[in-house]
C-alpha cells in the first residue's frame, strides 16, 4: 500500500496492508490506524489529506491470512524490487516511522526482538523512529511497557507537530 508524494516529510513504513485495508484502499484504515494516528497526534483528515504524511508498506498488497493466526508477512521480494527506487523519489523525508519488526529489519538490518529494538529507539533518531505495530495484538505489550506511552508517544507527537507546522 503506497500513498506518497514528493512533498512527503513523514514516511510511515509498515508491514503490509491487512484484509480490511486491502479492501478499502486506504492504509491504516482500521483500529490500528486509529492507534497510530493517536500516537502521532493527528486526526484522520490530516493523516489522509496532508501530502507531507506518506505511507509505503514493505509489501504493497495483502499477503493473506495465516491459518495459525494473523496475516502472512510481506514477501521479501517486494521491498527488494522497489523500495530503494521509491525512497530515491522522496527527497524531503525527515522522519521514517518504522512500524513493526519487518520494516525495522529491512530498514535497519536489526535482528533483535522487537521489544529490544523499540526500547533502544533513541539510537535511530533523528531520521527513524521504531514503533511496535499499533494492532490490538500488541495491547498486552503496550500495557507491560508503559514507558512507550511515557517516552515515545510524547516525542513522536512533538516531532510530527514540529515537521507539520513548518511551511510546506
N, C-alpha and C. Protein backbone atom coordinates (compact mmCIF):
# COMPACT_ATOMS: atom_id res chain seq x y z
N UNK A 1 0.85 -1.16 0.00
CA UNK A 1 0.00 0.00 0.00
C UNK A 1 0.91 1.23 0.00
N UNK A 2 0.76 2.07 -0.98
CA UNK A 2 1.62 3.24 -1.12
C UNK A 2 0.77 4.49 -1.31
N UNK A 3 1.06 5.50 -0.50
CA UNK A 3 0.45 6.82 -0.63
C UNK A 3 1.54 7.83 -0.29
N UNK A 4 2.28 8.26 -1.28
CA UNK A 4 3.38 9.19 -1.07
C UNK A 4 3.34 10.26 -2.15
N UNK A 5 4.10 11.32 -1.92
CA UNK A 5 4.28 12.36 -2.92
C UNK A 5 5.68 12.94 -2.73
N UNK A 6 6.09 13.78 -3.64
CA UNK A 6 7.39 14.45 -3.50
C UNK A 6 7.42 15.34 -2.27
N UNK A 7 6.25 15.69 -1.73
CA UNK A 7 6.16 16.54 -0.54
C UNK A 7 6.27 15.75 0.77
N UNK A 8 6.30 14.43 0.70
CA UNK A 8 6.32 13.61 1.91
C UNK A 8 7.51 13.96 2.79
N UNK A 9 7.22 14.29 4.04
CA UNK A 9 8.26 14.57 5.04
C UNK A 9 8.28 13.51 6.13
N UNK A 10 7.10 12.91 6.39
CA UNK A 10 6.99 11.85 7.37
C UNK A 10 6.55 10.60 6.61
N UNK A 11 7.39 9.59 6.61
CA UNK A 11 7.08 8.36 5.88
C UNK A 11 6.80 7.25 6.88
N UNK A 12 5.66 6.62 6.74
CA UNK A 12 5.27 5.51 7.60
C UNK A 12 5.53 4.22 6.83
N UNK A 13 6.43 3.41 7.37
CA UNK A 13 6.78 2.14 6.74
C UNK A 13 6.29 1.01 7.63
N UNK A 14 5.20 0.39 7.24
CA UNK A 14 4.64 -0.73 7.98
C UNK A 14 4.94 -2.03 7.28
N UNK A 15 4.21 -3.07 7.67
CA UNK A 15 4.44 -4.41 7.13
C UNK A 15 3.79 -4.56 5.76
N UNK A 16 2.50 -4.68 5.74
CA UNK A 16 1.71 -4.84 4.51
C UNK A 16 0.27 -4.60 4.92
N UNK A 17 -0.57 -4.23 3.98
CA UNK A 17 -1.96 -3.99 4.36
C UNK A 17 -2.66 -5.26 4.83
N UNK A 18 -3.52 -5.11 5.82
CA UNK A 18 -4.37 -6.21 6.24
C UNK A 18 -5.56 -6.32 5.30
N UNK A 19 -6.40 -7.30 5.54
CA UNK A 19 -7.55 -7.53 4.68
C UNK A 19 -8.46 -6.31 4.57
N UNK A 20 -8.80 -5.72 5.70
CA UNK A 20 -9.71 -4.56 5.69
C UNK A 20 -9.11 -3.39 4.92
N UNK A 21 -7.84 -3.12 5.14
CA UNK A 21 -7.15 -2.04 4.44
C UNK A 21 -7.06 -2.35 2.95
N UNK A 22 -6.76 -3.59 2.63
CA UNK A 22 -6.68 -4.00 1.23
C UNK A 22 -8.01 -3.72 0.52
N UNK A 23 -9.11 -4.02 1.21
CA UNK A 23 -10.43 -3.81 0.62
C UNK A 23 -10.80 -2.34 0.50
N UNK A 24 -10.39 -1.51 1.46
CA UNK A 24 -10.75 -0.08 1.43
C UNK A 24 -9.83 0.73 0.53
N UNK A 25 -8.58 0.27 0.37
CA UNK A 25 -7.62 1.02 -0.42
C UNK A 25 -6.94 2.14 0.34
N UNK A 26 -7.23 2.27 1.63
CA UNK A 26 -6.61 3.31 2.47
C UNK A 26 -5.70 2.66 3.49
N UNK A 27 -4.43 3.05 3.54
CA UNK A 27 -3.54 2.47 4.54
C UNK A 27 -3.97 2.88 5.95
N UNK A 28 -3.86 1.96 6.86
CA UNK A 28 -4.21 2.16 8.27
C UNK A 28 -5.67 2.60 8.44
N UNK A 29 -6.53 2.07 7.61
CA UNK A 29 -7.97 2.33 7.69
C UNK A 29 -8.64 1.25 8.54
N UNK A 30 -8.19 1.17 9.78
CA UNK A 30 -8.67 0.15 10.69
C UNK A 30 -8.32 0.61 12.11
N UNK A 31 -8.68 -0.16 13.13
CA UNK A 31 -8.35 0.26 14.50
C UNK A 31 -6.86 0.50 14.73
N UNK A 32 -5.99 -0.24 14.04
CA UNK A 32 -4.55 0.02 14.23
C UNK A 32 -4.20 1.42 13.71
N UNK A 33 -4.89 1.88 12.67
CA UNK A 33 -4.68 3.23 12.18
C UNK A 33 -5.14 4.27 13.18
N UNK A 34 -6.23 3.98 13.88
CA UNK A 34 -6.69 4.90 14.92
C UNK A 34 -5.63 5.05 16.00
N UNK A 35 -5.03 3.92 16.39
CA UNK A 35 -3.99 3.96 17.43
C UNK A 35 -2.75 4.70 16.91
N UNK A 36 -2.35 4.42 15.67
CA UNK A 36 -1.18 5.09 15.11
C UNK A 36 -1.40 6.60 15.03
N UNK A 37 -2.56 7.03 14.56
CA UNK A 37 -2.85 8.47 14.49
C UNK A 37 -2.85 9.09 15.87
N UNK A 38 -3.33 8.36 16.87
CA UNK A 38 -3.29 8.86 18.25
C UNK A 38 -1.85 9.03 18.71
N UNK A 39 -1.00 8.04 18.43
CA UNK A 39 0.42 8.17 18.79
C UNK A 39 1.03 9.39 18.12
N UNK A 40 0.65 9.64 16.87
CA UNK A 40 1.22 10.75 16.11
C UNK A 40 0.62 12.10 16.49
N UNK A 41 -0.56 12.10 17.08
CA UNK A 41 -1.23 13.34 17.42
C UNK A 41 -1.87 14.02 16.22
N UNK A 42 -2.32 13.23 15.24
CA UNK A 42 -3.00 13.79 14.07
C UNK A 42 -4.37 13.13 13.93
N UNK A 43 -5.30 13.86 13.37
CA UNK A 43 -6.62 13.28 13.15
C UNK A 43 -6.66 12.58 11.80
N UNK A 44 -7.76 11.89 11.58
CA UNK A 44 -7.93 11.10 10.35
C UNK A 44 -7.85 11.97 9.10
N UNK A 45 -8.48 13.14 9.14
CA UNK A 45 -8.48 14.02 7.97
C UNK A 45 -7.06 14.45 7.60
N UNK A 46 -6.31 14.88 8.59
CA UNK A 46 -4.93 15.31 8.31
C UNK A 46 -4.08 14.14 7.82
N UNK A 47 -4.25 12.99 8.44
CA UNK A 47 -3.48 11.80 8.08
C UNK A 47 -3.63 11.48 6.60
N UNK A 48 -4.84 11.58 6.09
CA UNK A 48 -5.09 11.21 4.69
C UNK A 48 -4.98 12.37 3.71
N UNK A 49 -5.09 13.60 4.16
CA UNK A 49 -5.09 14.73 3.23
C UNK A 49 -3.78 15.50 3.17
N UNK A 50 -2.99 15.43 4.22
CA UNK A 50 -1.74 16.19 4.25
C UNK A 50 -0.68 15.42 3.48
N UNK A 51 -0.26 15.96 2.36
CA UNK A 51 0.69 15.27 1.48
C UNK A 51 2.08 15.14 2.10
N UNK A 52 2.31 15.79 3.23
CA UNK A 52 3.59 15.64 3.92
C UNK A 52 3.65 14.35 4.73
N UNK A 53 2.51 13.66 4.88
CA UNK A 53 2.46 12.37 5.55
C UNK A 53 2.28 11.31 4.46
N UNK A 54 3.23 10.40 4.38
CA UNK A 54 3.16 9.34 3.37
C UNK A 54 3.23 7.97 4.00
N UNK A 55 2.72 7.00 3.26
CA UNK A 55 2.73 5.61 3.72
C UNK A 55 3.26 4.73 2.59
N UNK A 56 4.23 3.92 2.91
CA UNK A 56 4.76 2.94 1.96
C UNK A 56 5.10 1.68 2.74
N UNK A 57 4.17 0.74 2.73
CA UNK A 57 4.37 -0.53 3.43
C UNK A 57 5.48 -1.33 2.75
N UNK A 58 6.01 -2.30 3.46
CA UNK A 58 7.06 -3.14 2.90
C UNK A 58 6.51 -4.02 1.77
N UNK A 59 5.24 -4.34 1.84
CA UNK A 59 4.55 -5.08 0.79
C UNK A 59 3.34 -4.28 0.35
N UNK A 60 3.10 -4.21 -0.95
CA UNK A 60 2.00 -3.39 -1.47
C UNK A 60 0.63 -4.02 -1.30
N UNK A 61 0.58 -5.33 -1.23
CA UNK A 61 -0.73 -5.97 -1.23
C UNK A 61 -0.89 -6.88 -0.01
N UNK A 62 -2.14 -7.22 0.25
CA UNK A 62 -2.49 -8.10 1.36
C UNK A 62 -1.88 -9.48 1.11
N UNK A 63 -1.03 -9.96 2.03
CA UNK A 63 -0.35 -11.24 1.81
C UNK A 63 -1.19 -12.47 2.15
N UNK A 64 -2.38 -12.28 2.70
CA UNK A 64 -3.25 -13.40 3.05
C UNK A 64 -3.19 -13.73 4.53
N UNK A 65 -4.14 -14.53 4.95
CA UNK A 65 -4.26 -14.90 6.36
C UNK A 65 -3.54 -16.21 6.62
N UNK A 66 -2.74 -16.20 7.66
CA UNK A 66 -2.04 -17.40 8.09
C UNK A 66 -3.02 -18.24 8.91
N UNK A 67 -3.20 -19.51 8.60
CA UNK A 67 -4.13 -20.34 9.37
C UNK A 67 -3.77 -20.43 10.86
N UNK A 68 -2.51 -20.16 11.19
CA UNK A 68 -2.09 -20.19 12.59
C UNK A 68 -2.43 -18.90 13.33
N UNK A 69 -2.95 -17.91 12.61
CA UNK A 69 -3.32 -16.64 13.22
C UNK A 69 -2.58 -15.47 12.62
N UNK A 70 -3.26 -14.36 12.46
CA UNK A 70 -2.66 -13.17 11.88
C UNK A 70 -2.49 -13.29 10.38
N UNK A 71 -1.82 -12.32 9.81
CA UNK A 71 -1.58 -12.31 8.37
C UNK A 71 -0.18 -12.85 8.10
N UNK A 72 0.01 -13.34 6.88
CA UNK A 72 1.35 -13.72 6.47
C UNK A 72 2.23 -12.47 6.41
N UNK A 73 3.54 -12.63 6.56
CA UNK A 73 4.44 -11.48 6.41
C UNK A 73 4.50 -11.06 4.94
N UNK A 74 4.97 -9.84 4.70
CA UNK A 74 5.12 -9.41 3.31
C UNK A 74 6.21 -10.24 2.63
N UNK A 75 6.01 -10.59 1.37
CA UNK A 75 7.06 -11.33 0.66
C UNK A 75 8.34 -10.48 0.58
N UNK A 76 9.48 -11.06 0.88
CA UNK A 76 10.76 -10.34 0.88
C UNK A 76 11.05 -9.68 -0.47
N UNK A 77 10.63 -10.31 -1.54
CA UNK A 77 10.94 -9.80 -2.87
C UNK A 77 10.30 -8.44 -3.14
N UNK A 78 9.20 -8.14 -2.46
CA UNK A 78 8.51 -6.85 -2.71
C UNK A 78 9.45 -5.67 -2.44
N UNK A 79 9.92 -5.56 -1.22
CA UNK A 79 10.78 -4.43 -0.87
C UNK A 79 12.08 -4.45 -1.65
N UNK A 80 12.62 -5.64 -1.89
CA UNK A 80 13.87 -5.74 -2.64
C UNK A 80 13.72 -5.19 -4.06
N UNK A 81 12.55 -5.36 -4.65
CA UNK A 81 12.32 -4.91 -6.02
C UNK A 81 12.11 -3.40 -6.15
N UNK A 82 11.46 -2.78 -5.19
CA UNK A 82 11.03 -1.40 -5.42
C UNK A 82 11.40 -0.39 -4.35
N UNK A 83 11.75 -0.82 -3.15
CA UNK A 83 11.89 0.13 -2.04
C UNK A 83 12.97 1.20 -2.30
N UNK A 84 14.14 0.82 -2.71
CA UNK A 84 15.21 1.80 -2.94
C UNK A 84 14.82 2.81 -4.02
N UNK A 85 14.19 2.34 -5.08
CA UNK A 85 13.76 3.26 -6.15
C UNK A 85 12.69 4.23 -5.65
N UNK A 86 11.77 3.74 -4.82
CA UNK A 86 10.74 4.62 -4.28
C UNK A 86 11.35 5.67 -3.35
N UNK A 87 12.21 5.23 -2.45
CA UNK A 87 12.82 6.17 -1.50
C UNK A 87 13.64 7.24 -2.21
N UNK A 88 14.25 6.90 -3.33
CA UNK A 88 15.02 7.88 -4.10
C UNK A 88 14.13 8.99 -4.65
N UNK A 89 12.85 8.73 -4.77
CA UNK A 89 11.90 9.73 -5.27
C UNK A 89 11.30 10.59 -4.16
N UNK A 90 11.74 10.38 -2.93
CA UNK A 90 11.20 11.10 -1.77
C UNK A 90 12.30 11.88 -1.08
N UNK A 91 12.77 12.96 -1.69
CA UNK A 91 13.93 13.68 -1.16
C UNK A 91 13.67 14.48 0.11
N UNK A 92 12.40 14.70 0.48
CA UNK A 92 12.09 15.56 1.61
C UNK A 92 11.75 14.81 2.89
N UNK A 93 11.90 13.49 2.90
CA UNK A 93 11.57 12.73 4.10
C UNK A 93 12.55 13.08 5.22
N UNK A 94 11.98 13.52 6.34
CA UNK A 94 12.77 13.87 7.51
C UNK A 94 12.69 12.81 8.60
N UNK A 95 11.56 12.10 8.62
CA UNK A 95 11.33 11.11 9.67
C UNK A 95 10.62 9.91 9.05
N UNK A 96 11.17 8.73 9.29
CA UNK A 96 10.53 7.50 8.86
C UNK A 96 10.08 6.75 10.11
N UNK A 97 8.80 6.44 10.17
CA UNK A 97 8.26 5.65 11.27
C UNK A 97 8.32 4.19 10.83
N UNK A 98 9.17 3.43 11.47
CA UNK A 98 9.34 2.01 11.14
C UNK A 98 8.42 1.22 12.06
N UNK A 99 7.28 0.83 11.50
CA UNK A 99 6.20 0.22 12.27
C UNK A 99 6.29 -1.30 12.18
N UNK A 100 6.73 -1.92 13.26
CA UNK A 100 6.79 -3.37 13.31
C UNK A 100 8.16 -3.92 12.91
N UNK A 101 8.34 -5.18 13.25
CA UNK A 101 9.63 -5.84 13.06
C UNK A 101 10.08 -5.98 11.63
N UNK A 102 9.16 -6.22 10.69
CA UNK A 102 9.57 -6.40 9.29
C UNK A 102 10.17 -5.12 8.73
N UNK A 103 9.54 -4.00 8.98
CA UNK A 103 10.06 -2.72 8.50
C UNK A 103 11.39 -2.39 9.17
N UNK A 104 11.50 -2.68 10.45
CA UNK A 104 12.73 -2.39 11.18
C UNK A 104 13.87 -3.27 10.70
N UNK A 105 13.60 -4.54 10.46
CA UNK A 105 14.64 -5.44 9.97
C UNK A 105 15.14 -5.01 8.60
N UNK A 106 14.22 -4.62 7.72
CA UNK A 106 14.63 -4.23 6.37
C UNK A 106 15.42 -2.92 6.40
N UNK A 107 14.88 -1.91 7.07
CA UNK A 107 15.50 -0.59 7.02
C UNK A 107 16.77 -0.48 7.86
N UNK A 108 16.81 -1.17 8.98
CA UNK A 108 17.93 -1.01 9.92
C UNK A 108 18.84 -2.23 9.98
N UNK A 109 18.39 -3.33 9.41
CA UNK A 109 19.17 -4.55 9.49
C UNK A 109 19.20 -5.17 10.88
N UNK A 110 18.28 -4.77 11.74
CA UNK A 110 18.27 -5.30 13.10
C UNK A 110 17.72 -6.72 13.12
N UNK A 111 18.24 -7.51 14.02
CA UNK A 111 17.76 -8.87 14.20
C UNK A 111 17.31 -9.10 15.64
N UNK A 112 17.38 -8.06 16.46
CA UNK A 112 16.97 -8.19 17.86
C UNK A 112 15.44 -8.26 17.94
N UNK A 113 14.93 -8.80 19.04
CA UNK A 113 13.48 -8.83 19.21
C UNK A 113 12.90 -7.42 19.17
N UNK A 114 11.66 -7.32 18.71
CA UNK A 114 11.01 -6.02 18.53
C UNK A 114 11.07 -5.17 19.80
N UNK A 115 10.76 -5.77 20.95
CA UNK A 115 10.76 -5.01 22.20
C UNK A 115 12.10 -4.39 22.50
N UNK A 116 13.17 -5.12 22.22
CA UNK A 116 14.52 -4.60 22.44
C UNK A 116 14.82 -3.47 21.47
N UNK A 117 14.43 -3.63 20.22
CA UNK A 117 14.65 -2.58 19.22
C UNK A 117 13.90 -1.31 19.62
N UNK A 118 12.64 -1.46 20.02
CA UNK A 118 11.84 -0.29 20.41
C UNK A 118 12.42 0.35 21.67
N UNK A 119 12.88 -0.45 22.61
CA UNK A 119 13.47 0.10 23.84
C UNK A 119 14.70 0.97 23.51
N UNK A 120 15.39 0.65 22.44
CA UNK A 120 16.58 1.41 22.02
C UNK A 120 16.24 2.47 20.98
N UNK A 121 15.05 2.99 21.00
CA UNK A 121 14.53 3.91 19.99
C UNK A 121 15.39 5.14 19.78
N UNK A 122 16.00 5.66 20.81
CA UNK A 122 16.80 6.89 20.67
C UNK A 122 18.02 6.69 19.75
N UNK A 123 18.48 5.47 19.64
CA UNK A 123 19.65 5.18 18.81
C UNK A 123 19.40 5.30 17.32
N UNK A 124 18.15 5.43 16.91
CA UNK A 124 17.82 5.51 15.48
C UNK A 124 17.42 6.92 15.05
N UNK A 125 17.38 7.83 16.02
CA UNK A 125 17.00 9.22 15.74
C UNK A 125 18.16 9.94 15.06
N UNK A 126 17.93 10.99 14.34
CA UNK A 126 16.67 11.69 14.14
C UNK A 126 15.89 11.24 12.91
N UNK A 127 16.48 10.37 12.08
CA UNK A 127 15.81 10.05 10.81
C UNK A 127 14.78 8.94 10.91
N UNK A 128 14.88 8.09 11.92
CA UNK A 128 13.94 6.97 12.04
C UNK A 128 13.46 6.84 13.47
N UNK A 129 12.22 6.43 13.60
CA UNK A 129 11.64 6.13 14.90
C UNK A 129 11.01 4.75 14.80
N UNK A 130 11.43 3.85 15.67
CA UNK A 130 10.92 2.48 15.66
C UNK A 130 9.70 2.39 16.56
N UNK A 131 8.67 1.72 16.06
CA UNK A 131 7.42 1.57 16.80
C UNK A 131 6.95 0.12 16.71
N UNK A 132 6.25 -0.35 17.75
CA UNK A 132 5.59 -1.64 17.60
C UNK A 132 4.42 -1.44 16.64
N UNK A 133 3.89 -2.51 16.10
CA UNK A 133 2.70 -2.36 15.27
C UNK A 133 1.56 -1.93 16.18
N UNK A 134 0.73 -0.98 15.74
CA UNK A 134 -0.36 -0.49 16.59
C UNK A 134 -1.57 -1.42 16.66
N UNK A 135 -1.43 -2.64 16.23
CA UNK A 135 -2.51 -3.62 16.24
C UNK A 135 -2.97 -3.94 17.66
N UNK A 136 -4.21 -4.39 17.77
CA UNK A 136 -4.74 -4.86 19.05
C UNK A 136 -3.89 -5.99 19.60
N UNK A 137 -3.22 -6.72 18.73
CA UNK A 137 -2.40 -7.84 19.19
C UNK A 137 -1.25 -7.38 20.09
N UNK A 138 -0.89 -6.10 20.04
CA UNK A 138 0.20 -5.58 20.86
C UNK A 138 -0.30 -4.83 22.09
N UNK A 139 -1.58 -4.87 22.36
CA UNK A 139 -2.12 -4.18 23.53
C UNK A 139 -1.47 -4.67 24.82
N UNK A 140 -1.30 -5.98 24.96
CA UNK A 140 -0.66 -6.52 26.17
C UNK A 140 0.77 -6.02 26.29
N UNK A 141 1.51 -5.98 25.15
CA UNK A 141 2.89 -5.49 25.17
C UNK A 141 2.91 -4.04 25.63
N UNK A 142 2.01 -3.23 25.11
CA UNK A 142 1.96 -1.82 25.49
C UNK A 142 1.65 -1.66 26.98
N UNK A 143 0.79 -2.51 27.53
CA UNK A 143 0.47 -2.44 28.97
C UNK A 143 1.67 -2.86 29.82
N UNK A 144 2.44 -3.82 29.33
CA UNK A 144 3.64 -4.26 30.06
C UNK A 144 4.79 -3.27 29.94
N UNK A 145 4.70 -2.37 29.00
CA UNK A 145 5.78 -1.42 28.73
C UNK A 145 5.25 0.01 28.74
N UNK A 146 4.84 0.50 29.91
CA UNK A 146 4.25 1.85 29.99
C UNK A 146 5.22 2.95 29.57
N UNK A 147 6.51 2.68 29.57
CA UNK A 147 7.50 3.66 29.14
C UNK A 147 7.24 4.09 27.69
N UNK A 148 6.61 3.20 26.89
CA UNK A 148 6.32 3.57 25.50
C UNK A 148 5.45 4.82 25.45
N UNK A 149 4.34 4.80 26.20
CA UNK A 149 3.45 5.96 26.21
C UNK A 149 4.04 7.14 26.97
N UNK A 150 4.94 6.87 27.90
CA UNK A 150 5.55 7.95 28.68
C UNK A 150 6.69 8.63 27.94
N UNK A 151 7.42 7.89 27.09
CA UNK A 151 8.59 8.43 26.42
C UNK A 151 8.40 8.63 24.92
N UNK A 152 8.00 7.58 24.24
CA UNK A 152 7.96 7.64 22.77
C UNK A 152 6.78 8.44 22.26
N UNK A 153 5.60 8.22 22.80
CA UNK A 153 4.42 8.93 22.29
C UNK A 153 4.58 10.45 22.38
N UNK A 154 5.01 11.01 23.52
CA UNK A 154 5.19 12.47 23.55
C UNK A 154 6.25 12.95 22.55
N UNK A 155 7.35 12.19 22.43
CA UNK A 155 8.38 12.57 21.46
C UNK A 155 7.80 12.56 20.05
N UNK A 156 7.10 11.51 19.70
CA UNK A 156 6.53 11.38 18.36
C UNK A 156 5.56 12.51 18.07
N UNK A 157 4.67 12.81 18.99
CA UNK A 157 3.70 13.91 18.78
C UNK A 157 4.41 15.24 18.58
N UNK A 158 5.42 15.49 19.39
CA UNK A 158 6.15 16.76 19.26
C UNK A 158 6.90 16.83 17.94
N UNK A 159 7.52 15.74 17.55
CA UNK A 159 8.28 15.74 16.29
C UNK A 159 7.36 15.89 15.08
N UNK A 160 6.22 15.18 15.09
CA UNK A 160 5.26 15.31 14.00
C UNK A 160 4.74 16.74 13.93
N UNK A 161 4.38 17.30 15.06
CA UNK A 161 3.88 18.69 15.08
C UNK A 161 4.94 19.65 14.57
N UNK A 162 6.18 19.46 14.97
CA UNK A 162 7.26 20.34 14.51
C UNK A 162 7.43 20.26 12.99
N UNK A 163 7.39 19.08 12.44
CA UNK A 163 7.55 18.90 10.98
C UNK A 163 6.35 19.49 10.25
N UNK A 164 5.16 19.26 10.75
CA UNK A 164 3.95 19.70 10.03
C UNK A 164 3.61 21.17 10.24
N UNK A 165 4.20 21.83 11.22
CA UNK A 165 3.92 23.26 11.40
C UNK A 165 4.80 24.14 10.53
N UNK A 166 5.91 23.56 10.03
CA UNK A 166 6.74 24.34 9.11
C UNK A 166 6.03 24.44 7.76
N UNK A 167 6.23 25.52 7.03
CA UNK A 167 5.58 25.67 5.72
C UNK A 167 5.93 24.51 4.80
N UNK A 168 4.95 24.12 4.01
CA UNK A 168 5.14 23.00 3.06
C UNK A 168 6.07 23.41 1.95
